[in-house]
C-alpha atoms as a PDB file:
ATOM      1  CA  MET A   1      39.971 -34.123  46.594  1.00  0.00           C
ATOM      2  CA  GLU A   2      43.159 -34.914  48.496  1.00  0.00           C
ATOM      3  CA  PHE A   3      43.271 -31.363  49.869  1.00  0.00           C
ATOM      4  CA  ALA A   4      39.635 -31.581  50.978  1.00  0.00           C
ATOM      5  CA  MET A   5      40.197 -34.882  52.756  1.00  0.00           C
ATOM      6  CA  LYS A   6      43.301 -33.594  54.555  1.00  0.00           C
ATOM      7  CA  SER A   7      41.405 -30.485  55.618  1.00  0.00           C
ATOM      8  CA  VAL A   8      38.584 -32.531  57.131  1.00  0.00           C
ATOM      9  CA  LYS A   9      41.003 -34.127  59.596  1.00  0.00           C
ATOM     10  CA  HIS A  10      41.380 -30.783  61.376  1.00  0.00           C
ATOM     11  CA  PHE A  11      37.699 -30.782  62.291  1.00  0.00           C
ATOM     12  CA  THR A  12      38.008 -34.079  64.145  1.00  0.00           C
ATOM     13  CA  GLU A  13      39.526 -32.000  66.959  1.00  0.00           C
ATOM     14  CA  LEU A  14      36.138 -30.385  67.619  1.00  0.00           C
ATOM     15  CA  GLU A  15      34.154 -31.814  70.507  1.00  0.00           C
ATOM     16  CA  ASP A  16      31.005 -33.694  69.504  1.00  0.00           C
ATOM     17  CA  ASN A  17      28.482 -33.453  72.357  1.00  0.00           C
ATOM     18  CA  ARG A  18      25.760 -35.457  70.651  1.00  0.00           C
ATOM     19  CA  GLN A  19      24.373 -38.676  72.112  1.00  0.00           C
ATOM     20  CA  GLN A  20      26.347 -41.366  70.319  1.00  0.00           C
ATOM     21  CA  SER A  21      23.329 -43.666  69.901  1.00  0.00           C
ATOM     22  CA  LYS A  22      21.426 -40.979  67.975  1.00  0.00           C
ATOM     23  CA  ILE A  23      24.128 -39.902  65.530  1.00  0.00           C
ATOM     24  CA  LYS A  24      23.232 -40.417  61.851  1.00  0.00           C
ATOM     25  CA  HIS A  25      25.640 -37.892  60.292  1.00  0.00           C
ATOM     26  CA  LEU A  26      29.344 -37.374  60.896  1.00  0.00           C
ATOM     27  CA  LEU A  27      30.203 -34.080  62.577  1.00  0.00           C
ATOM     28  CA  THR A  28      32.989 -33.472  60.073  1.00  0.00           C
ATOM     29  CA  ASP A  29      30.583 -33.999  57.163  1.00  0.00           C
ATOM     30  CA  ILE A  30      28.095 -31.506  58.578  1.00  0.00           C
ATOM     31  CA  ILE A  31      30.790 -28.904  59.183  1.00  0.00           C
ATOM     32  CA  VAL A  32      32.327 -29.264  55.724  1.00  0.00           C
ATOM     33  CA  MET A  33      28.906 -29.190  54.065  1.00  0.00           C
ATOM     34  CA  CYS A  34      27.988 -26.028  55.985  1.00  0.00           C
ATOM     35  CA  ILE A  35      31.230 -24.313  55.004  1.00  0.00           C
ATOM     36  CA  ILE A  36      30.629 -25.167  51.341  1.00  0.00           C
ATOM     37  CA  ALA A  37      27.003 -23.998  51.477  1.00  0.00           C
ATOM     38  CA  ILE A  38      27.854 -20.736  53.244  1.00  0.00           C
ATOM     39  CA  ALA A  39      30.665 -20.073  50.767  1.00  0.00           C
ATOM     40  CA  CYS A  40      28.010 -20.452  48.053  1.00  0.00           C
ATOM     41  CA  SER A  41      25.845 -17.735  49.633  1.00  0.00           C
ATOM     42  CA  CYS A  42      23.431 -19.798  51.732  1.00  0.00           C
ATOM     43  CA  LYS A  43      22.037 -17.551  54.463  1.00  0.00           C
ATOM     44  CA  CYS A  44      20.070 -19.873  56.769  1.00  0.00           C
ATOM     45  CA  PHE A  45      19.786 -23.534  57.725  1.00  0.00           C
ATOM     46  CA  ILE A  46      16.890 -24.096  55.317  1.00  0.00           C
ATOM     47  CA  ASP A  47      19.006 -22.680  52.466  1.00  0.00           C
ATOM     48  CA  ILE A  48      21.891 -24.924  53.509  1.00  0.00           C
ATOM     49  CA  GLU A  49      19.709 -28.055  53.462  1.00  0.00           C
ATOM     50  CA  SER A  50      18.218 -27.197  50.046  1.00  0.00           C
ATOM     51  CA  PHE A  51      21.628 -26.401  48.585  1.00  0.00           C
ATOM     52  CA  LEU A  52      23.157 -29.632  49.893  1.00  0.00           C
ATOM     53  CA  LYS A  53      20.289 -31.767  48.611  1.00  0.00           C
ATOM     54  CA  SER A  54      20.851 -30.334  45.155  1.00  0.00           C
ATOM     55  CA  ARG A  55      24.578 -31.186  45.370  1.00  0.00           C
ATOM     56  CA  ILE A  56      24.476 -34.622  47.015  1.00  0.00           C
ATOM     57  CA  GLU A  57      26.125 -36.416  44.076  1.00  0.00           C
ATOM     58  CA  TYR A  58      28.980 -33.896  44.057  1.00  0.00           C
ATOM     59  CA  LEU A  59      29.480 -34.392  47.786  1.00  0.00           C
ATOM     60  CA  ARG A  60      29.538 -38.159  47.394  1.00  0.00           C
ATOM     61  CA  LYS A  61      31.541 -38.523  44.203  1.00  0.00           C
ATOM     62  CA  ASP A  62      33.891 -35.551  44.201  1.00  0.00           C
ATOM     63  CA  LEU A  63      34.431 -35.060  47.926  1.00  0.00           C
ATOM     64  CA  GLY A  64      34.143 -38.714  48.902  1.00  0.00           C
ATOM     65  CA  MET A  65      31.496 -38.228  51.581  1.00  0.00           C
ATOM     66  CA  GLU A  66      29.591 -41.417  52.320  1.00  0.00           C
ATOM     67  CA  LEU A  67      26.361 -39.723  53.425  1.00  0.00           C
ATOM     68  CA  LYS A  68      24.693 -43.097  54.067  1.00  0.00           C
ATOM     69  CA  ASN A  69      21.747 -41.279  55.686  1.00  0.00           C
ATOM     70  CA  GLY A  70      21.576 -38.596  53.027  1.00  0.00           C
ATOM     71  CA  ILE A  71      21.663 -34.878  53.736  1.00  0.00           C
ATOM     72  CA  PRO A  72      20.822 -33.860  57.303  1.00  0.00           C
ATOM     73  CA  SER A  73      17.686 -31.785  57.795  1.00  0.00           C
ATOM     74  CA  HIS A  74      17.954 -28.089  58.524  1.00  0.00           C
ATOM     75  CA  ASP A  75      16.878 -28.844  62.100  1.00  0.00           C
ATOM     76  CA  THR A  76      19.703 -31.364  62.505  1.00  0.00           C
ATOM     77  CA  ILE A  77      22.233 -28.950  61.043  1.00  0.00           C
ATOM     78  CA  LYS A  78      21.070 -26.249  63.461  1.00  0.00           C
ATOM     79  CA  ARG A  79      21.217 -28.595  66.489  1.00  0.00           C
ATOM     80  CA  VAL A  80      24.735 -29.718  65.566  1.00  0.00           C
ATOM     81  CA  MET A  81      26.161 -26.302  64.763  1.00  0.00           C
ATOM     82  CA  ALA A  82      24.542 -24.282  67.584  1.00  0.00           C
ATOM     83  CA  PRO A  83      26.658 -25.635  70.459  1.00  0.00           C
ATOM     84  CA  CYS A  84      29.974 -25.384  68.580  1.00  0.00           C
ATOM     85  CA  ASP A  85      32.438 -23.229  70.488  1.00  0.00           C
ATOM     86  CA  PRO A  86      33.314 -20.353  68.117  1.00  0.00           C
ATOM     87  CA  LYS A  87      36.834 -19.929  69.494  1.00  0.00           C
ATOM     88  CA  ASN A  88      37.589 -23.620  69.160  1.00  0.00           C
ATOM     89  CA  PHE A  89      36.087 -23.666  65.666  1.00  0.00           C
ATOM     90  CA  GLN A  90      38.153 -20.641  64.637  1.00  0.00           C
ATOM     91  CA  THR A  91      41.339 -22.279  65.921  1.00  0.00           C
ATOM     92  CA  VAL A  92      40.620 -25.481  63.983  1.00  0.00           C
ATOM     93  CA  PHE A  93      39.497 -23.591  60.878  1.00  0.00           C
END
């Protein structure tokens, strides 16, 4: 878990363009959850959401994610990930 938590800090360098008053999920949580889901063969945002919902206890207990608003919907994941600058993401990753 220590490695995972240290790794998350790198993603705080990514710009979050969302309206602060509407944010329910941390950008770093969404990114880490997407990486995990994609590494486990999820192919689309609907797959990612379904996968994450089935692993919510693992994410909370083993990775220490708070997830006070649960798992983001596939639409939320898509809206958050779509504007990410690939070059910036690659540098941080």
